[in-house]
N, C-alpha and C. Protein backbone atom coordinates (compact mmCIF):
# COMPACT_ATOMS: atom_id res chain seq x y z
N MET A 1 0.85 -1.30 -0.10
CA MET A 1 -0.20 0.01 0.27
C MET A 1 0.80 1.01 -0.15
N HIS A 2 0.21 2.40 -0.62
CA HIS A 2 1.54 3.71 -0.98
C HIS A 2 1.12 4.30 1.29
N CYS A 3 2.20 4.59 1.37
CA CYS A 3 2.24 5.38 2.56
C CYS A 3 1.14 6.61 2.87
N ILE A 4 0.73 6.64 3.55
CA ILE A 4 -0.10 7.60 3.74
C ILE A 4 0.25 9.07 4.03
N LEU A 5 1.36 9.13 4.81
CA LEU A 5 1.86 10.57 4.93
C LEU A 5 3.23 10.67 3.73
N CYS A 6 4.24 9.71 3.35
CA CYS A 6 5.09 10.28 1.87
C CYS A 6 4.73 9.88 1.06
N ASP A 7 3.56 8.65 0.83
CA ASP A 7 3.17 8.42 -0.25
C ASP A 7 3.75 7.36 -1.25
N ASN A 8 4.47 7.13 -0.37
CA ASN A 8 5.86 6.16 -1.11
C ASN A 8 5.16 4.29 -1.49
N LEU A 9 5.27 3.76 -1.98
CA LEU A 9 5.43 2.28 -2.02
C LEU A 9 6.04 1.89 -1.47
N PHE A 10 6.73 1.78 -0.34
CA PHE A 10 7.92 1.40 -0.12
C PHE A 10 7.47 0.87 1.92
N THR A 11 6.64 -0.16 1.62
CA THR A 11 5.83 -0.47 3.11
C THR A 11 5.71 -1.76 2.89
N THR A 12 6.15 -2.34 4.34
CA THR A 12 6.39 -3.96 4.28
C THR A 12 5.26 -4.16 5.23
N GLN A 13 4.68 -5.27 5.39
CA GLN A 13 4.01 -5.58 5.89
C GLN A 13 3.88 -6.33 7.78
N ILE A 14 3.43 -5.90 8.84
CA ILE A 14 3.96 -6.20 10.10
C ILE A 14 2.68 -6.07 10.68
N LEU A 15 2.46 -7.82 11.63
CA LEU A 15 1.69 -8.75 12.36
C LEU A 15 0.24 -9.33 11.52
N SER A 16 0.50 -9.74 9.95
CA SER A 16 -0.15 -10.23 9.54
C SER A 16 -0.94 -8.97 8.35
N GLY A 17 -0.25 -8.51 7.97
CA GLY A 17 -1.11 -7.26 7.33
C GLY A 17 -1.77 -6.52 8.11
N ARG A 18 -1.94 -6.54 9.67
CA ARG A 18 -2.85 -5.58 10.12
C ARG A 18 -2.55 -4.35 10.32
N PHE A 19 -0.61 -4.10 9.75
CA PHE A 19 -0.43 -2.67 9.72
C PHE A 19 0.84 -2.48 8.45
N TYR A 20 1.51 -1.28 8.28
CA TYR A 20 2.13 -1.39 7.31
C TYR A 20 3.60 -0.68 7.95
N HIS A 21 4.83 -0.91 7.21
CA HIS A 21 5.85 0.07 7.68
C HIS A 21 6.73 0.72 6.20
N CYS A 22 6.21 1.94 6.62
CA CYS A 22 7.19 2.67 5.75
C CYS A 22 8.46 2.91 5.66
N LYS A 23 9.28 2.22 4.52
CA LYS A 23 11.08 2.25 4.69
C LYS A 23 11.61 3.49 4.51
N VAL A 24 10.72 5.07 3.58
CA VAL A 24 10.78 6.37 3.54
C VAL A 24 10.90 7.17 4.53
N CYS A 25 9.50 7.16 5.12
CA CYS A 25 9.23 8.20 6.47
C CYS A 25 9.05 7.08 7.55
N ASP A 26 9.37 6.34 7.47
CA ASP A 26 9.16 5.42 8.90
C ASP A 26 7.82 5.48 10.19
N CYS A 27 7.13 5.70 9.44
CA CYS A 27 5.89 5.69 10.27
C CYS A 27 5.19 3.96 9.69
N ILE A 28 4.23 4.11 10.95
CA ILE A 28 3.93 2.69 10.93
C ILE A 28 2.11 3.08 11.00
N MET A 29 1.70 2.33 9.80
CA MET A 29 -0.05 2.61 9.70
C MET A 29 -0.71 1.60 9.33
N LYS A 30 -2.00 1.75 9.86
CA LYS A 30 -3.27 0.65 9.47
C LYS A 30 -3.35 0.90 7.74
N PRO A 31 -3.68 -0.50 7.35
CA PRO A 31 -4.31 0.17 6.34
C PRO A 31 -5.91 0.60 6.04
N LYS A 32 -5.54 1.13 5.12
CA LYS A 32 -6.81 2.01 4.63
C LYS A 32 -8.34 1.47 5.15
N SER A 33 -7.98 -0.16 4.87
CA SER A 33 -9.54 -1.21 5.27
C SER A 33 -9.88 -0.93 6.41
N ASN A 34 -9.36 -0.82 7.35
CA ASN A 34 -9.19 -1.13 8.92
C ASN A 34 -9.36 0.03 9.58
N PHE A 35 -9.72 1.78 8.94
CA PHE A 35 -10.15 2.78 9.07
C PHE A 35 -11.23 2.21 9.57
N LEU A 36 -12.04 3.43 10.60
CA LEU A 36 -13.35 3.29 10.71
C LEU A 36 -13.98 4.15 10.50
N PRO A 37 -15.66 4.00 10.07
CA PRO A 37 -16.63 5.14 9.14
C PRO A 37 -16.68 6.19 10.35
N LYS A 38 -16.63 7.25 8.82
CA LYS A 38 -16.76 8.35 10.37
C LYS A 38 -17.57 8.42 11.35
N ASP A 39 -18.44 7.57 11.06
CA ASP A 39 -19.87 7.97 12.28
C ASP A 39 -19.32 6.76 13.85
N LYS A 40 -18.64 5.94 13.20
CA LYS A 40 -18.29 5.01 13.94
C LYS A 40 -17.17 5.81 14.90
N GLU A 41 -16.67 6.12 14.05
CA GLU A 41 -14.80 7.30 14.65
C GLU A 41 -15.67 7.85 15.96
N LYS A 42 -16.44 8.78 15.57
CA LYS A 42 -17.61 9.96 16.11
C LYS A 42 -18.13 9.15 17.34
N GLY A 43 -18.54 7.96 16.94
CA GLY A 43 -18.94 6.75 18.36
C GLY A 43 -18.09 6.76 19.30
N ARG A 44 -16.88 6.62 19.17
CA ARG A 44 -15.97 6.34 20.00
C ARG A 44 -15.08 7.95 20.56
N TYR A 45 -15.27 9.10 20.23
CA TYR A 45 -14.91 9.76 20.37
C TYR A 45 -16.25 10.22 21.99
N ASP A 46 -17.61 10.54 21.10
CA ASP A 46 -18.52 10.56 22.36
C ASP A 46 -18.41 10.00 22.79
N LEU A 47 -17.55 8.11 23.45
CA LEU A 47 -17.50 8.07 24.65
C LEU A 47 -16.55 8.41 25.60
N HIS A 48 -15.23 9.35 24.96
CA HIS A 48 -14.61 9.65 26.19
C HIS A 48 -15.53 11.00 26.92
N LYS A 49 -14.74 11.11 28.38
CA LYS A 49 -15.32 11.55 29.47
C LYS A 49 -14.40 12.88 29.47
N ASN A 50 -13.71 13.10 28.50
CA ASN A 50 -12.97 14.62 28.88
C ASN A 50 -13.27 15.29 29.04
N ASP A 51 -12.97 16.34 30.67
CA ASP A 51 -13.54 17.16 31.15
C ASP A 51 -12.17 18.04 31.21
N ALA A 52 -12.42 19.54 30.76
CA ALA A 52 -11.31 20.65 31.27
C ALA A 52 -11.16 20.73 32.49
N ASN A 53 -12.00 20.55 33.39
CA ASN A 53 -11.83 20.61 35.04
C ASN A 53 -11.27 19.64 35.59
N GLU A 54 -11.31 18.28 34.52
CA GLU A 54 -10.66 17.20 35.95
C GLU A 54 -9.01 17.70 35.40
N ARG A 55 -8.48 17.57 37.12
CA ARG A 55 -7.30 17.23 37.19
C ARG A 55 -6.21 16.42 36.66
N GLY A 56 -6.82 14.90 36.35
CA GLY A 56 -5.97 14.35 36.00
C GLY A 56 -5.59 14.99 34.21
N TYR A 57 -6.82 14.70 33.75
CA TYR A 57 -7.04 15.35 32.00
C TYR A 57 -5.82 16.87 32.02
N ARG A 58 -6.15 17.58 32.90
CA ARG A 58 -5.33 19.18 32.99
C ARG A 58 -3.67 18.57 32.82
N ALA A 59 -3.41 17.76 33.93
CA ALA A 59 -1.87 16.98 34.35
C ALA A 59 -1.49 16.72 33.01
N PHE A 60 -2.09 15.90 31.90
CA PHE A 60 -1.24 15.16 31.12
C PHE A 60 -0.98 15.82 29.76
N VAL A 61 -2.42 17.26 30.05
CA VAL A 61 -1.44 18.18 28.95
C VAL A 61 -0.88 19.24 29.03
N PHE A 62 -0.68 18.71 30.17
CA PHE A 62 0.33 20.10 30.63
C PHE A 62 1.30 20.78 30.13
N PRO A 63 2.76 19.71 29.83
CA PRO A 63 3.57 19.57 29.11
C PRO A 63 3.02 20.86 27.71
N VAL A 64 1.96 20.28 27.22
CA VAL A 64 2.33 21.52 26.03
C VAL A 64 1.65 22.87 26.72
N VAL A 65 0.72 22.99 27.57
CA VAL A 65 0.31 24.28 28.11
C VAL A 65 1.40 24.94 28.70
N GLU A 66 2.37 24.26 29.45
CA GLU A 66 3.43 24.64 30.20
C GLU A 66 4.58 25.35 28.94
N ARG A 67 4.83 24.29 27.50
CA ARG A 67 5.73 25.32 26.45
C ARG A 67 5.03 26.18 25.93
N ILE A 68 3.59 26.64 25.83
CA ILE A 68 3.21 27.52 25.21
C ILE A 68 3.09 28.49 25.91
N LYS A 69 3.07 28.65 27.44
CA LYS A 69 2.97 29.25 28.28
C LYS A 69 4.71 30.23 28.33
N LYS A 70 5.54 29.85 28.22
CA LYS A 70 6.42 29.90 28.36
C LYS A 70 7.24 30.47 27.00
N GLU A 71 6.76 30.21 25.90
CA GLU A 71 7.24 30.53 24.84
C GLU A 71 6.06 31.57 23.55
N GLN A 72 5.31 31.96 24.13
CA GLN A 72 4.07 32.24 23.85
C GLN A 72 3.76 33.52 24.44
N SER A 73 3.48 35.06 23.83
CA SER A 73 2.91 35.83 24.12
C SER A 73 1.66 36.01 24.37
N PHE A 74 0.49 36.49 25.44
CA PHE A 74 -0.57 36.49 25.18
C PHE A 74 -0.95 37.12 24.13
N ASP A 75 -0.46 38.03 23.44
CA ASP A 75 -1.55 38.66 22.44
C ASP A 75 -0.89 37.83 21.14
N ALA A 76 -0.56 36.69 21.21
CA ALA A 76 -0.20 35.83 20.18
C ALA A 76 -1.72 34.77 19.89
N LYS A 77 -1.63 34.33 18.33
CA LYS A 77 -2.98 33.87 18.15
C LYS A 77 -2.70 32.11 17.70
N GLY A 78 -3.43 31.86 18.78
CA GLY A 78 -3.41 29.90 18.76
C GLY A 78 -4.79 29.41 18.68
N LEU A 79 -4.23 27.96 17.90
CA LEU A 79 -5.59 27.20 18.16
C LEU A 79 -5.31 25.59 18.42
N ASP A 80 -6.39 25.28 18.73
CA ASP A 80 -5.40 23.90 19.29
C ASP A 80 -7.10 23.14 18.44
N PHE A 81 -6.10 22.20 17.27
CA PHE A 81 -6.66 21.28 16.58
C PHE A 81 -6.73 20.56 16.70
N GLY A 82 -7.99 19.41 16.65
CA GLY A 82 -8.50 18.55 17.21
C GLY A 82 -8.71 18.60 18.49
N SER A 83 -9.36 19.59 19.23
CA SER A 83 -9.36 20.18 20.42
C SER A 83 -10.64 18.84 21.22
N GLY A 84 -11.39 18.32 20.46
CA GLY A 84 -12.07 17.52 21.14
C GLY A 84 -13.75 17.99 21.49
N ARG A 85 -14.35 17.59 22.66
CA ARG A 85 -15.29 18.21 22.94
C ARG A 85 -15.00 19.20 23.97
N ASP A 86 -14.11 18.94 25.13
CA ASP A 86 -13.79 19.91 26.27
C ASP A 86 -12.10 19.85 26.49
N SER A 87 -11.20 21.04 25.58
CA SER A 87 -9.62 21.04 25.62
C SER A 87 -9.14 21.36 27.01
N ALA A 88 -8.42 20.45 27.57
CA ALA A 88 -8.17 21.07 28.58
C ALA A 88 -6.93 21.98 28.49
N VAL A 89 -6.45 22.01 27.00
CA VAL A 89 -5.37 23.11 26.60
C VAL A 89 -5.97 24.58 26.75
N VAL A 90 -7.46 24.43 25.71
CA VAL A 90 -7.48 25.42 25.66
C VAL A 90 -8.46 26.59 27.12
N ALA A 91 -8.99 25.38 28.18
CA ALA A 91 -9.25 25.77 29.03
C ALA A 91 -8.29 26.52 30.17
N GLN A 92 -6.70 25.70 30.19
CA GLN A 92 -6.06 26.36 31.04
C GLN A 92 -5.05 27.69 30.61
N LEU A 93 -5.19 28.06 29.16
CA LEU A 93 -4.95 29.22 28.73
C LEU A 93 -5.63 30.07 28.34
N GLN A 94 -6.76 29.85 28.41
CA GLN A 94 -7.85 30.99 28.27
C GLN A 94 -8.23 31.54 29.86
N GLU A 95 -8.18 30.54 31.05
CA GLU A 95 -7.79 31.14 31.96
C GLU A 95 -6.86 32.08 32.83
N ILE A 96 -5.68 31.82 31.90
CA ILE A 96 -4.67 33.17 32.45
C ILE A 96 -4.67 34.40 31.19
N GLY A 97 -5.32 34.18 30.41
CA GLY A 97 -5.32 35.42 29.21
C GLY A 97 -5.20 35.17 27.69
N TYR A 98 -4.68 33.81 27.53
CA TYR A 98 -4.38 33.55 26.01
C TYR A 98 -5.30 33.95 25.06
N ASP A 99 -5.00 34.05 23.78
CA ASP A 99 -5.67 33.93 23.27
C ASP A 99 -5.90 32.96 22.16
N ILE A 100 -6.38 31.85 22.39
CA ILE A 100 -6.31 30.27 21.88
C ILE A 100 -8.09 29.90 21.33
N LYS A 101 -8.21 29.55 20.35
CA LYS A 101 -9.09 28.63 19.54
C LYS A 101 -9.21 27.33 19.56
N SER A 102 -10.64 26.67 19.46
CA SER A 102 -11.13 25.57 19.52
C SER A 102 -11.19 25.02 18.18
N TYR A 103 -10.58 24.49 17.24
CA TYR A 103 -11.44 23.54 16.21
C TYR A 103 -11.28 21.74 16.00
N ASP A 104 -12.38 21.46 16.32
CA ASP A 104 -12.42 19.86 15.92
C ASP A 104 -13.85 19.71 14.98
N PRO A 105 -13.13 18.70 13.75
CA PRO A 105 -13.88 18.60 13.07
C PRO A 105 -15.22 17.76 13.44
N TYR A 106 -15.60 17.50 14.85
CA TYR A 106 -16.82 16.90 14.80
C TYR A 106 -17.86 17.57 16.04
N TYR A 107 -16.43 18.34 16.46
CA TYR A 107 -17.30 19.12 17.74
C TYR A 107 -17.07 20.79 17.47
N PHE A 108 -16.34 21.05 17.16
CA PHE A 108 -16.13 22.47 16.90
C PHE A 108 -15.44 23.19 15.52
N THR A 109 -16.40 23.35 14.44
CA THR A 109 -16.38 22.58 12.91
C THR A 109 -16.30 24.19 12.73
N ASP A 110 -16.05 25.28 12.99
CA ASP A 110 -16.15 26.89 12.34
C ASP A 110 -14.74 26.39 11.04
N ILE A 111 -14.86 26.25 10.12
CA ILE A 111 -14.08 26.04 9.16
C ILE A 111 -13.17 27.40 8.92
N ALA A 112 -13.66 28.51 8.86
CA ALA A 112 -13.47 29.43 8.56
C ALA A 112 -12.06 30.14 9.97
N LEU A 113 -12.09 29.17 10.60
CA LEU A 113 -10.88 29.25 11.92
C LEU A 113 -9.45 28.65 11.00
N LEU A 114 -9.95 28.17 10.09
CA LEU A 114 -8.61 27.38 9.14
C LEU A 114 -8.37 27.91 8.01
N LYS A 115 -8.94 28.98 7.63
CA LYS A 115 -8.12 30.03 6.66
C LYS A 115 -7.39 30.91 7.47
N LYS A 116 -7.94 30.85 8.49
CA LYS A 116 -6.62 32.30 9.20
C LYS A 116 -5.12 31.80 9.69
N ARG A 117 -4.43 32.32 10.07
CA ARG A 117 -2.66 32.40 10.26
C ARG A 117 -2.75 32.01 12.06
N TYR A 118 -1.66 31.19 12.42
CA TYR A 118 -2.07 31.55 13.73
C TYR A 118 -0.16 31.17 13.77
N ASP A 119 0.01 32.58 15.32
CA ASP A 119 1.55 32.07 16.09
C ASP A 119 1.97 30.43 15.98
N TYR A 120 0.73 30.15 16.70
CA TYR A 120 1.20 28.78 16.89
C TYR A 120 -0.37 27.76 17.37
N ILE A 121 0.04 26.48 17.02
CA ILE A 121 -1.30 25.24 17.12
C ILE A 121 -0.79 24.08 18.00
N SER A 122 -1.51 24.12 18.82
CA SER A 122 -1.29 22.58 19.69
C SER A 122 -2.12 21.69 18.96
N CYS A 123 -1.62 19.96 19.08
CA CYS A 123 -2.29 19.25 18.53
C CYS A 123 -1.58 17.99 19.34
N THR A 124 -2.85 18.09 20.65
CA THR A 124 -2.54 17.11 21.24
C THR A 124 -3.34 15.44 21.39
N GLU A 125 -2.56 14.95 21.21
CA GLU A 125 -3.30 13.28 20.98
C GLU A 125 -4.18 13.37 19.72
N VAL A 126 -3.30 13.49 19.03
CA VAL A 126 -4.73 14.04 17.39
C VAL A 126 -3.90 13.12 16.41
N ILE A 127 -2.38 13.42 16.05
CA ILE A 127 -2.03 13.32 14.67
C ILE A 127 -1.84 11.54 14.80
N GLU A 128 -2.22 11.23 15.71
CA GLU A 128 -2.09 9.74 15.57
C GLU A 128 -3.59 8.74 15.19
N HIS A 129 -4.42 10.11 14.86
CA HIS A 129 -5.74 9.36 14.80
C HIS A 129 -5.75 9.87 13.01
N PHE A 130 -4.93 10.72 12.47
CA PHE A 130 -5.14 11.45 10.94
C PHE A 130 -5.47 10.26 9.71
N TYR A 131 -6.30 9.95 9.28
CA TYR A 131 -6.72 9.32 7.59
C TYR A 131 -5.95 9.69 6.80
N SER A 132 -5.60 11.27 6.98
CA SER A 132 -4.14 11.54 5.60
C SER A 132 -3.36 12.64 6.42
N PRO A 133 -2.52 12.33 6.87
CA PRO A 133 -1.29 13.18 7.38
C PRO A 133 -0.91 13.80 6.28
N LYS A 134 -0.60 13.25 5.33
CA LYS A 134 0.16 13.85 4.03
C LYS A 134 -0.73 15.23 4.06
N LYS A 135 -2.16 14.72 4.29
CA LYS A 135 -2.82 16.52 3.55
C LYS A 135 -3.02 17.59 4.77
N GLU A 136 -2.90 16.56 6.55
CA GLU A 136 -3.39 17.72 8.05
C GLU A 136 -1.84 18.23 8.15
N PHE A 137 -0.74 17.41 7.19
CA PHE A 137 0.47 18.39 7.99
C PHE A 137 0.38 19.84 7.18
N LYS A 138 0.29 19.26 5.59
CA LYS A 138 0.48 20.59 4.94
C LYS A 138 -0.98 21.48 5.17
N LYS A 139 -1.90 21.25 5.13
CA LYS A 139 -2.76 22.00 6.47
C LYS A 139 -2.27 23.24 7.72
N LEU A 140 -1.62 22.26 8.52
CA LEU A 140 -1.07 22.81 9.98
C LEU A 140 -0.12 23.55 9.40
N LYS A 141 0.82 23.29 8.61
CA LYS A 141 1.58 24.52 8.42
C LYS A 141 1.32 25.67 7.59
N ASN A 142 0.38 25.52 6.89
CA ASN A 142 -0.14 26.98 5.81
C ASN A 142 -0.80 27.44 6.62
N MET A 143 -1.20 27.15 8.02
CA MET A 143 -1.91 28.33 8.84
C MET A 143 -1.12 28.69 10.15
N LEU A 144 0.25 28.34 9.88
CA LEU A 144 1.34 29.22 11.06
C LEU A 144 1.83 30.55 10.01
N GLN A 145 1.82 31.40 11.06
CA GLN A 145 2.84 32.22 10.58
C GLN A 145 4.05 31.72 10.72
N LYS A 146 5.36 32.76 9.34
CA LYS A 146 6.72 32.65 9.67
C LYS A 146 7.05 32.38 11.34
N GLY A 147 7.77 31.28 11.09
CA GLY A 147 8.09 31.77 12.53
C GLY A 147 7.27 31.31 13.58
N GLY A 148 5.97 30.43 13.44
CA GLY A 148 5.14 29.99 14.06
C GLY A 148 5.56 28.38 14.13
N ALA A 149 5.11 27.79 15.48
CA ALA A 149 5.10 27.01 16.42
C ALA A 149 4.36 25.90 16.41
N LEU A 150 4.48 24.42 16.29
CA LEU A 150 3.38 23.51 16.11
C LEU A 150 4.04 22.75 17.52
N TYR A 151 2.52 22.68 18.37
CA TYR A 151 3.24 21.51 19.83
C TYR A 151 2.37 20.55 19.39
N ILE A 152 2.99 18.93 18.96
CA ILE A 152 2.21 18.33 18.75
C ILE A 152 2.63 17.09 20.17
N MET A 153 1.67 16.58 20.79
CA MET A 153 1.76 15.58 22.24
C MET A 153 1.44 14.19 21.40
N THR A 154 1.79 12.83 21.27
CA THR A 154 1.31 11.59 20.53
C THR A 154 2.66 10.61 21.45
N GLU A 155 2.52 9.71 21.23
CA GLU A 155 3.32 8.82 21.69
C GLU A 155 4.51 8.14 20.64
N ILE A 156 5.54 8.48 20.85
CA ILE A 156 6.56 8.18 19.74
C ILE A 156 6.78 7.04 19.86
N TYR A 157 6.73 5.81 18.21
CA TYR A 157 7.46 4.63 18.52
C TYR A 157 8.99 4.70 18.41
N SER A 158 9.15 3.62 19.49
CA SER A 158 11.02 2.98 18.55
C SER A 158 11.32 1.71 19.24
N GLU A 159 12.40 1.15 18.70
CA GLU A 159 12.58 -0.37 18.57
C GLU A 159 12.50 -0.50 20.07
N ASP A 160 12.81 -0.18 20.99
CA ASP A 160 12.83 -0.63 22.11
C ASP A 160 11.49 -0.83 22.74
N ILE A 161 10.20 -0.43 21.78
CA ILE A 161 8.70 -0.90 22.32
C ILE A 161 8.57 -2.08 21.92
N ASP A 162 7.46 -2.84 22.38
CA ASP A 162 6.97 -4.53 21.97
C ASP A 162 5.87 -3.95 21.09
N PHE A 163 5.82 -3.76 19.78
CA PHE A 163 4.97 -3.58 18.41
C PHE A 163 4.08 -4.02 19.34
N GLU A 164 4.26 -5.56 19.09
CA GLU A 164 2.50 -6.82 19.16
C GLU A 164 2.20 -6.56 20.25
N ASN A 165 2.52 -5.95 21.67
CA ASN A 165 2.13 -5.80 22.34
C ASN A 165 1.63 -4.20 23.28
N TRP A 166 2.10 -3.72 22.34
CA TRP A 166 2.06 -1.79 22.51
C TRP A 166 0.73 -1.55 22.54
N TYR A 167 0.08 -0.84 23.66
CA TYR A 167 -1.26 -0.33 24.22
C TYR A 167 -1.55 0.55 23.02
N TYR A 168 -0.67 1.35 22.91
CA TYR A 168 -1.27 2.38 21.97
C TYR A 168 -1.91 1.90 20.57
N LYS A 169 -1.39 1.05 20.20
CA LYS A 169 -2.02 0.79 18.80
C LYS A 169 -3.46 -0.16 18.55
N GLU A 170 -4.09 -0.22 20.02
CA GLU A 170 -5.49 -1.09 20.11
C GLU A 170 -6.32 -0.06 20.05
N ASP A 171 -6.05 1.24 20.31
CA ASP A 171 -7.67 1.94 19.72
C ASP A 171 -7.95 2.68 18.42
N PRO A 172 -8.85 1.58 18.02
CA PRO A 172 -9.23 1.70 17.05
C PRO A 172 -9.08 2.82 15.94
N THR A 173 -9.19 4.08 16.89
CA THR A 173 -9.29 5.32 16.12
C THR A 173 -7.67 6.05 15.92
N HIS A 174 -6.56 4.89 16.20
CA HIS A 174 -5.22 5.41 16.31
C HIS A 174 -4.69 4.76 15.09
N VAL A 175 -4.47 5.28 13.66
CA VAL A 175 -4.29 4.88 12.57
C VAL A 175 -2.89 4.60 12.09
N VAL A 176 -2.32 5.65 12.80
CA VAL A 176 -0.81 5.93 12.18
C VAL A 176 0.24 6.20 13.39
N PHE A 177 1.69 5.81 13.34
CA PHE A 177 2.50 6.37 14.06
C PHE A 177 3.54 6.34 14.12
N TYR A 178 4.52 7.37 14.78
CA TYR A 178 5.43 7.94 14.16
C TYR A 178 6.42 7.90 14.90
N THR A 179 7.61 7.57 14.54
CA THR A 179 9.19 7.58 15.09
C THR A 179 9.57 9.20 14.99
N LYS A 180 10.62 9.37 15.68
CA LYS A 180 12.01 10.31 15.55
C LYS A 180 12.23 10.44 14.39
N LYS A 181 12.24 9.47 13.29
CA LYS A 181 12.62 9.89 12.16
C LYS A 181 11.95 10.21 10.89
N SER A 182 10.27 9.95 11.38
CA SER A 182 9.10 10.85 10.94
C SER A 182 9.33 11.72 10.65
N PHE A 183 9.51 12.18 12.08
CA PHE A 183 9.72 13.57 12.30
C PHE A 183 10.03 14.40 12.11
N GLU A 184 11.91 14.00 11.54
CA GLU A 184 12.76 14.46 10.93
C GLU A 184 12.20 14.40 9.43
N TRP A 185 11.33 13.79 8.73
CA TRP A 185 11.26 13.72 7.30
C TRP A 185 9.85 14.39 7.73
N ILE A 186 9.11 15.00 8.23
CA ILE A 186 7.94 16.01 8.18
C ILE A 186 8.45 17.29 8.36
N LYS A 187 9.98 16.75 9.24
CA LYS A 187 10.35 18.84 9.32
C LYS A 187 10.80 19.19 7.94
N GLU A 188 11.50 17.86 7.42
CA GLU A 188 12.56 18.47 5.67
C GLU A 188 11.28 18.92 5.28
N HIS A 189 10.21 17.50 4.69
CA HIS A 189 9.09 17.84 3.78
C HIS A 189 8.67 19.29 3.49
N TYR A 190 7.80 19.58 4.88
CA TYR A 190 7.20 21.00 4.85
C TYR A 190 7.88 21.94 5.74
N GLY A 191 8.92 22.31 5.37
CA GLY A 191 9.71 23.19 4.94
C GLY A 191 9.86 23.65 6.50
N PHE A 192 9.78 23.09 7.92
CA PHE A 192 10.13 23.38 9.58
C PHE A 192 11.78 23.85 9.18
N LYS A 193 11.69 25.09 10.15
CA LYS A 193 13.13 25.06 10.66
C LYS A 193 13.79 24.34 11.25
N SER A 194 13.11 24.14 12.42
CA SER A 194 13.45 23.17 13.27
C SER A 194 12.29 22.25 14.24
N LEU A 195 13.03 20.95 15.19
CA LEU A 195 12.20 20.20 15.43
C LEU A 195 12.72 19.81 16.89
N GLU A 196 11.95 19.62 17.72
CA GLU A 196 12.46 19.82 18.99
C GLU A 196 11.50 18.14 19.79
N ILE A 197 12.46 17.64 20.14
CA ILE A 197 11.72 16.12 20.86
C ILE A 197 11.72 16.09 22.22
N ASN A 198 11.29 16.33 22.96
CA ASN A 198 10.86 15.91 24.33
C ASN A 198 9.96 15.03 25.26
N GLY A 199 10.64 13.84 25.35
CA GLY A 199 9.25 12.89 25.50
C GLY A 199 8.11 12.51 24.38
N ARG A 200 6.96 13.25 25.20
CA ARG A 200 5.72 12.94 24.05
C ARG A 200 5.29 14.39 23.61
N VAL A 201 5.92 15.52 23.60
CA VAL A 201 6.31 16.65 23.40
C VAL A 201 7.16 17.34 21.82
N ILE A 202 6.22 17.90 21.12
CA ILE A 202 7.32 17.90 19.28
C ILE A 202 6.80 18.85 19.50
N LYS A 203 7.92 19.82 19.31
CA LYS A 203 7.75 21.09 18.75
C LYS A 203 9.03 21.25 17.13
N LEU A 204 7.38 21.83 16.53
CA LEU A 204 8.34 22.19 14.67
C LEU A 204 8.06 23.61 14.71
N THR A 205 9.07 24.20 14.11
CA THR A 205 9.10 25.89 14.06
C THR A 205 9.39 25.99 12.68
N LEU A 206 8.43 26.65 12.21
CA LEU A 206 8.26 27.64 10.92
C LEU A 206 9.05 28.54 10.61
């Protein structure tokens, strides 16, 4: 199958064809035949009990919030892309006066937000859901001002993880997984100037 990130036909099967590994950008993906239909995908998201006031949820996304607080000013324009129904990133930043909006293809669907430019975009636990990461990363890059930052949170795959028993791949809405090499490919292909990886937090600067 063609890679859904770099579109190259250099993929090998993993776990009896349940996943494919791209030899060019190093991402691992499910075949498109295993993607959930949109209604079932939304049904899974509707089961999420994320509450922006819940202490554990706020703590989970705080590494991204903390980076934004340290690196972005109050008057910088921000977007939480793939925010879900109730974003703890947006809540924590808005509480202290940051100008950040929510966009989500199911819950906050104002497409006018996608036609604006931002100083920073947060994307927490989102990119592993991209059915077309090639298209989505292009969209994210085009929404950033020159010098803008894309803050990502995701679980990064590495060879020391036992993929067969990796919990992260078992979520049916998780369809693509990235390695450090994948993010280096994204940086070069989409023209980002810098890449920083700190645990689960990735920052790409345009």
